[in-house]
Every structure is written in C-alpha cells, then in structure tokens.
Amino acid sequence: MRVTLYEQQGATRVHIDASVTDDGDLEVAGHDIGEAPKKWWGHDDYEYIVTIRKKDKDRLLLALIEARFGDDASAVSRFRDFAREKDIPNEWFTWP
C-alpha cells in the first residue's frame, strides 16, 4: 500500500510518499530531481527515507492519533468521520 504525500513540478521535481513494505515496516520516502539537489549535493538526484519498523508502528499510530485528535471532547466523532472520509471500515458503538 502506498499514498502520495507531496508532489512538486518545476526546475526541481519533488515526490514524497508513504508506504508499508512487504515486511510490515512503514516508510516515508522522498525523491528530488533537478536544480536544488545539483546545487547542494553536486548530483541532480537526491533520495531520503525514514523507516518505522513494524514493531514500532502501533506507537506511531497512537502518537499520530493523539496529535490529530487530542485535547478535543469530540475526538471520537471526529476520528470516526475521518475514517469514513478515507473509506476505512469502522464500527460505531454507543451505550446505552
């Protein structure tokens, strides 16, 4: 599974995406091509990757949920709405 996070065209083209590897690791990777990498690195191609290992993905997931929905009394509803917007199946439960 892969999602595009950012794309830029022009003298320097930039592409950044996030993906889950076959081993279950999460990678956020970027690739710059053009003038900027040539100026800074002496080569027109520059790649960079941050990897979160499979064993640490749950910690990251909870940290991202806290950053996005924390400190909000409507966090449960907002989280449900977000999942729906992204077509992610979820189950809603209330009591009584």
N, C-alpha and C. Protein backbone atom coordinates (compact mmCIF):
# COMPACT_ATOMS: atom_id res chain seq x y z
N MET A 1 0.85 -1.17 0.00
CA MET A 1 0.00 0.00 0.00
C MET A 1 0.90 1.24 0.00
N ARG A 2 0.51 2.22 -0.81
CA ARG A 2 1.31 3.44 -0.93
C ARG A 2 0.38 4.64 -1.12
N VAL A 3 0.71 5.77 -0.47
CA VAL A 3 -0.02 7.02 -0.68
C VAL A 3 0.99 8.13 -1.00
N THR A 4 0.59 9.03 -1.87
CA THR A 4 1.41 10.19 -2.21
C THR A 4 1.14 11.29 -1.20
N LEU A 5 2.20 11.84 -0.62
CA LEU A 5 2.08 12.92 0.36
C LEU A 5 2.31 14.30 -0.27
N TYR A 6 3.19 14.36 -1.27
CA TYR A 6 3.53 15.65 -1.85
C TYR A 6 4.15 15.46 -3.22
N GLU A 7 3.80 16.35 -4.15
CA GLU A 7 4.43 16.37 -5.46
C GLU A 7 4.64 17.82 -5.88
N GLN A 8 5.78 18.07 -6.48
CA GLN A 8 6.11 19.40 -6.98
C GLN A 8 6.77 19.25 -8.34
N GLN A 9 6.37 20.06 -9.29
CA GLN A 9 6.98 20.08 -10.61
C GLN A 9 7.81 21.36 -10.73
N GLY A 10 8.65 21.45 -11.74
CA GLY A 10 9.43 22.65 -11.97
C GLY A 10 10.89 22.31 -12.13
N ALA A 11 11.74 23.31 -11.86
CA ALA A 11 13.18 23.13 -12.01
C ALA A 11 13.70 22.03 -11.09
N THR A 12 13.05 21.89 -9.93
CA THR A 12 13.32 20.76 -9.05
C THR A 12 12.00 20.02 -8.85
N ARG A 13 11.97 18.77 -9.26
CA ARG A 13 10.78 17.94 -9.06
C ARG A 13 10.94 17.19 -7.74
N VAL A 14 9.87 17.18 -6.94
CA VAL A 14 9.88 16.53 -5.64
C VAL A 14 8.69 15.57 -5.58
N HIS A 15 8.96 14.36 -5.12
CA HIS A 15 7.88 13.38 -4.89
C HIS A 15 8.14 12.75 -3.52
N ILE A 16 7.10 12.76 -2.66
CA ILE A 16 7.19 12.16 -1.33
C ILE A 16 5.99 11.24 -1.16
N ASP A 17 6.25 10.02 -0.69
CA ASP A 17 5.15 9.10 -0.44
C ASP A 17 5.39 8.31 0.84
N ALA A 18 4.33 7.65 1.28
CA ALA A 18 4.40 6.77 2.44
C ALA A 18 3.93 5.39 1.98
N SER A 19 4.59 4.36 2.49
CA SER A 19 4.21 3.00 2.10
C SER A 19 4.52 2.03 3.22
N VAL A 20 3.88 0.87 3.13
CA VAL A 20 4.16 -0.23 4.04
C VAL A 20 4.88 -1.29 3.22
N THR A 21 6.06 -1.70 3.68
CA THR A 21 6.86 -2.68 2.96
C THR A 21 6.28 -4.09 3.13
N ASP A 22 6.79 -5.02 2.36
CA ASP A 22 6.37 -6.42 2.48
C ASP A 22 6.65 -6.97 3.87
N ASP A 23 7.66 -6.42 4.57
CA ASP A 23 8.00 -6.86 5.92
C ASP A 23 7.14 -6.18 6.99
N GLY A 24 6.26 -5.23 6.59
CA GLY A 24 5.40 -4.55 7.54
C GLY A 24 5.95 -3.26 8.10
N ASP A 25 7.14 -2.84 7.62
CA ASP A 25 7.70 -1.57 8.06
C ASP A 25 6.98 -0.42 7.35
N LEU A 26 6.96 0.74 7.97
CA LEU A 26 6.40 1.94 7.37
C LEU A 26 7.55 2.80 6.87
N GLU A 27 7.46 3.24 5.61
CA GLU A 27 8.49 4.11 5.05
C GLU A 27 7.86 5.40 4.53
N VAL A 28 8.46 6.51 4.86
CA VAL A 28 8.13 7.79 4.26
C VAL A 28 9.37 8.18 3.48
N ALA A 29 9.22 8.31 2.17
CA ALA A 29 10.38 8.49 1.30
C ALA A 29 10.18 9.64 0.34
N GLY A 30 11.27 10.33 0.06
CA GLY A 30 11.24 11.42 -0.89
C GLY A 30 12.31 11.28 -1.95
N HIS A 31 12.07 11.95 -3.07
CA HIS A 31 12.99 11.90 -4.20
C HIS A 31 12.95 13.27 -4.87
N ASP A 32 14.07 13.95 -4.88
CA ASP A 32 14.20 15.26 -5.53
C ASP A 32 15.07 15.09 -6.77
N ILE A 33 14.63 15.68 -7.87
CA ILE A 33 15.39 15.63 -9.12
C ILE A 33 15.45 17.04 -9.70
N GLY A 34 16.66 17.50 -10.03
CA GLY A 34 16.76 18.80 -10.69
C GLY A 34 17.80 19.72 -10.10
N GLU A 35 17.49 21.02 -10.17
CA GLU A 35 18.46 22.06 -9.82
C GLU A 35 18.88 22.07 -8.35
N ALA A 36 17.93 21.96 -7.43
CA ALA A 36 18.28 22.06 -6.00
C ALA A 36 19.26 20.97 -5.56
N PRO A 37 19.01 19.69 -5.86
CA PRO A 37 19.99 18.69 -5.45
C PRO A 37 21.35 18.89 -6.14
N LYS A 38 21.31 19.33 -7.39
CA LYS A 38 22.56 19.58 -8.11
C LYS A 38 23.37 20.66 -7.40
N LYS A 39 22.67 21.73 -6.96
CA LYS A 39 23.34 22.84 -6.26
C LYS A 39 23.92 22.38 -4.92
N TRP A 40 23.14 21.62 -4.14
CA TRP A 40 23.55 21.27 -2.78
C TRP A 40 24.40 20.02 -2.68
N TRP A 41 24.16 19.06 -3.57
CA TRP A 41 24.82 17.77 -3.44
C TRP A 41 25.74 17.42 -4.61
N GLY A 42 25.74 18.28 -5.66
CA GLY A 42 26.60 18.00 -6.80
C GLY A 42 26.07 16.90 -7.70
N HIS A 43 24.83 16.51 -7.48
CA HIS A 43 24.19 15.47 -8.29
C HIS A 43 22.72 15.85 -8.42
N ASP A 44 22.12 15.61 -9.57
CA ASP A 44 20.74 16.07 -9.78
C ASP A 44 19.67 15.14 -9.21
N ASP A 45 20.08 14.16 -8.44
CA ASP A 45 19.17 13.17 -7.89
C ASP A 45 19.46 12.99 -6.41
N TYR A 46 18.43 13.13 -5.55
CA TYR A 46 18.61 13.02 -4.10
C TYR A 46 17.43 12.24 -3.53
N GLU A 47 17.70 11.18 -2.78
CA GLU A 47 16.65 10.35 -2.18
C GLU A 47 16.83 10.31 -0.67
N TYR A 48 15.71 10.20 0.05
CA TYR A 48 15.73 10.17 1.51
C TYR A 48 14.55 9.36 2.02
N ILE A 49 14.78 8.59 3.09
CA ILE A 49 13.76 7.68 3.61
C ILE A 49 13.81 7.67 5.15
N VAL A 50 12.64 7.71 5.78
CA VAL A 50 12.51 7.46 7.21
C VAL A 50 11.75 6.15 7.34
N THR A 51 12.29 5.21 8.13
CA THR A 51 11.66 3.91 8.31
C THR A 51 11.23 3.74 9.77
N ILE A 52 9.98 3.35 9.96
CA ILE A 52 9.48 2.96 11.28
C ILE A 52 9.27 1.45 11.20
N ARG A 53 9.99 0.73 12.01
CA ARG A 53 9.91 -0.73 11.97
C ARG A 53 8.52 -1.21 12.41
N LYS A 54 8.14 -2.35 11.91
CA LYS A 54 6.83 -2.94 12.19
C LYS A 54 6.53 -2.95 13.69
N LYS A 55 7.53 -3.28 14.50
CA LYS A 55 7.31 -3.39 15.94
C LYS A 55 6.98 -2.05 16.59
N ASP A 56 7.27 -0.93 15.91
CA ASP A 56 7.04 0.40 16.47
C ASP A 56 5.86 1.13 15.82
N LYS A 57 5.21 0.50 14.84
CA LYS A 57 4.11 1.17 14.12
C LYS A 57 2.93 1.52 15.02
N ASP A 58 2.59 0.66 15.98
CA ASP A 58 1.46 0.95 16.85
C ASP A 58 1.72 2.19 17.70
N ARG A 59 2.94 2.35 18.19
CA ARG A 59 3.30 3.55 18.96
C ARG A 59 3.15 4.80 18.10
N LEU A 60 3.61 4.69 16.85
CA LEU A 60 3.49 5.82 15.93
C LEU A 60 2.02 6.13 15.64
N LEU A 61 1.23 5.10 15.38
CA LEU A 61 -0.18 5.28 15.10
C LEU A 61 -0.88 6.02 16.24
N LEU A 62 -0.64 5.60 17.47
CA LEU A 62 -1.25 6.26 18.62
C LEU A 62 -0.76 7.69 18.79
N ALA A 63 0.52 7.94 18.52
CA ALA A 63 1.05 9.31 18.60
C ALA A 63 0.41 10.21 17.54
N LEU A 64 0.19 9.69 16.34
CA LEU A 64 -0.45 10.47 15.29
C LEU A 64 -1.91 10.76 15.63
N ILE A 65 -2.61 9.77 16.19
CA ILE A 65 -4.00 9.98 16.60
C ILE A 65 -4.06 11.04 17.70
N GLU A 66 -3.14 10.96 18.64
CA GLU A 66 -3.10 11.96 19.72
C GLU A 66 -2.83 13.36 19.16
N ALA A 67 -1.90 13.46 18.20
CA ALA A 67 -1.57 14.76 17.61
C ALA A 67 -2.74 15.34 16.83
N ARG A 68 -3.47 14.50 16.15
CA ARG A 68 -4.57 14.97 15.29
C ARG A 68 -5.87 15.20 16.06
N PHE A 69 -6.17 14.34 17.04
CA PHE A 69 -7.48 14.36 17.70
C PHE A 69 -7.41 14.66 19.20
N GLY A 70 -6.22 14.81 19.76
CA GLY A 70 -6.08 15.03 21.20
C GLY A 70 -6.65 16.36 21.65
N ASP A 71 -6.97 16.43 22.93
CA ASP A 71 -7.46 17.64 23.57
C ASP A 71 -8.74 18.16 22.93
N ASP A 72 -9.66 17.24 22.59
CA ASP A 72 -10.90 17.60 21.93
C ASP A 72 -12.01 16.67 22.44
N ALA A 73 -13.05 17.24 23.02
CA ALA A 73 -14.15 16.44 23.56
C ALA A 73 -14.90 15.68 22.48
N SER A 74 -14.78 16.08 21.23
CA SER A 74 -15.46 15.37 20.13
C SER A 74 -14.49 14.46 19.37
N ALA A 75 -13.40 14.05 20.01
CA ALA A 75 -12.36 13.26 19.35
C ALA A 75 -12.90 11.96 18.75
N VAL A 76 -13.82 11.28 19.46
CA VAL A 76 -14.33 10.00 18.95
C VAL A 76 -15.10 10.23 17.66
N SER A 77 -15.99 11.22 17.65
CA SER A 77 -16.77 11.51 16.45
C SER A 77 -15.88 11.99 15.31
N ARG A 78 -14.91 12.83 15.61
CA ARG A 78 -14.00 13.33 14.57
C ARG A 78 -13.16 12.19 14.00
N PHE A 79 -12.72 11.28 14.87
CA PHE A 79 -11.95 10.12 14.41
C PHE A 79 -12.81 9.24 13.50
N ARG A 80 -14.04 8.98 13.91
CA ARG A 80 -14.96 8.18 13.08
C ARG A 80 -15.18 8.87 11.73
N ASP A 81 -15.41 10.18 11.74
CA ASP A 81 -15.64 10.92 10.50
C ASP A 81 -14.41 10.85 9.58
N PHE A 82 -13.24 10.96 10.17
CA PHE A 82 -12.00 10.88 9.39
C PHE A 82 -11.88 9.51 8.72
N ALA A 83 -12.13 8.45 9.49
CA ALA A 83 -12.06 7.10 8.93
C ALA A 83 -13.06 6.95 7.78
N ARG A 84 -14.25 7.47 7.96
CA ARG A 84 -15.26 7.39 6.90
C ARG A 84 -14.81 8.16 5.65
N GLU A 85 -14.26 9.37 5.85
CA GLU A 85 -13.79 10.17 4.72
C GLU A 85 -12.73 9.44 3.91
N LYS A 86 -11.93 8.62 4.57
CA LYS A 86 -10.86 7.88 3.90
C LYS A 86 -11.31 6.48 3.48
N ASP A 87 -12.61 6.21 3.58
CA ASP A 87 -13.17 4.90 3.22
C ASP A 87 -12.52 3.75 3.98
N ILE A 88 -12.23 3.98 5.26
CA ILE A 88 -11.65 2.96 6.13
C ILE A 88 -12.78 2.36 6.97
N PRO A 89 -13.06 1.08 6.81
CA PRO A 89 -14.16 0.48 7.57
C PRO A 89 -13.96 0.67 9.07
N ASN A 90 -15.06 0.95 9.75
CA ASN A 90 -15.00 1.11 11.20
C ASN A 90 -16.36 0.72 11.77
N GLU A 91 -16.38 0.47 13.05
CA GLU A 91 -17.61 0.11 13.73
C GLU A 91 -17.90 1.16 14.79
N TRP A 92 -19.16 1.55 14.90
CA TRP A 92 -19.58 2.57 15.85
C TRP A 92 -20.41 1.89 16.94
N PHE A 93 -20.12 2.20 18.21
CA PHE A 93 -20.85 1.61 19.32
C PHE A 93 -21.16 2.71 20.32
N THR A 94 -22.39 2.68 20.81
CA THR A 94 -22.76 3.56 21.92
C THR A 94 -23.49 2.73 22.95
N TRP A 95 -23.53 3.23 24.17
CA TRP A 95 -24.26 2.56 25.23
C TRP A 95 -24.79 3.62 26.16
N PRO A 96 -25.90 3.58 26.67
CA PRO A 96 -27.00 2.65 26.48
C PRO A 96 -27.76 2.95 25.23
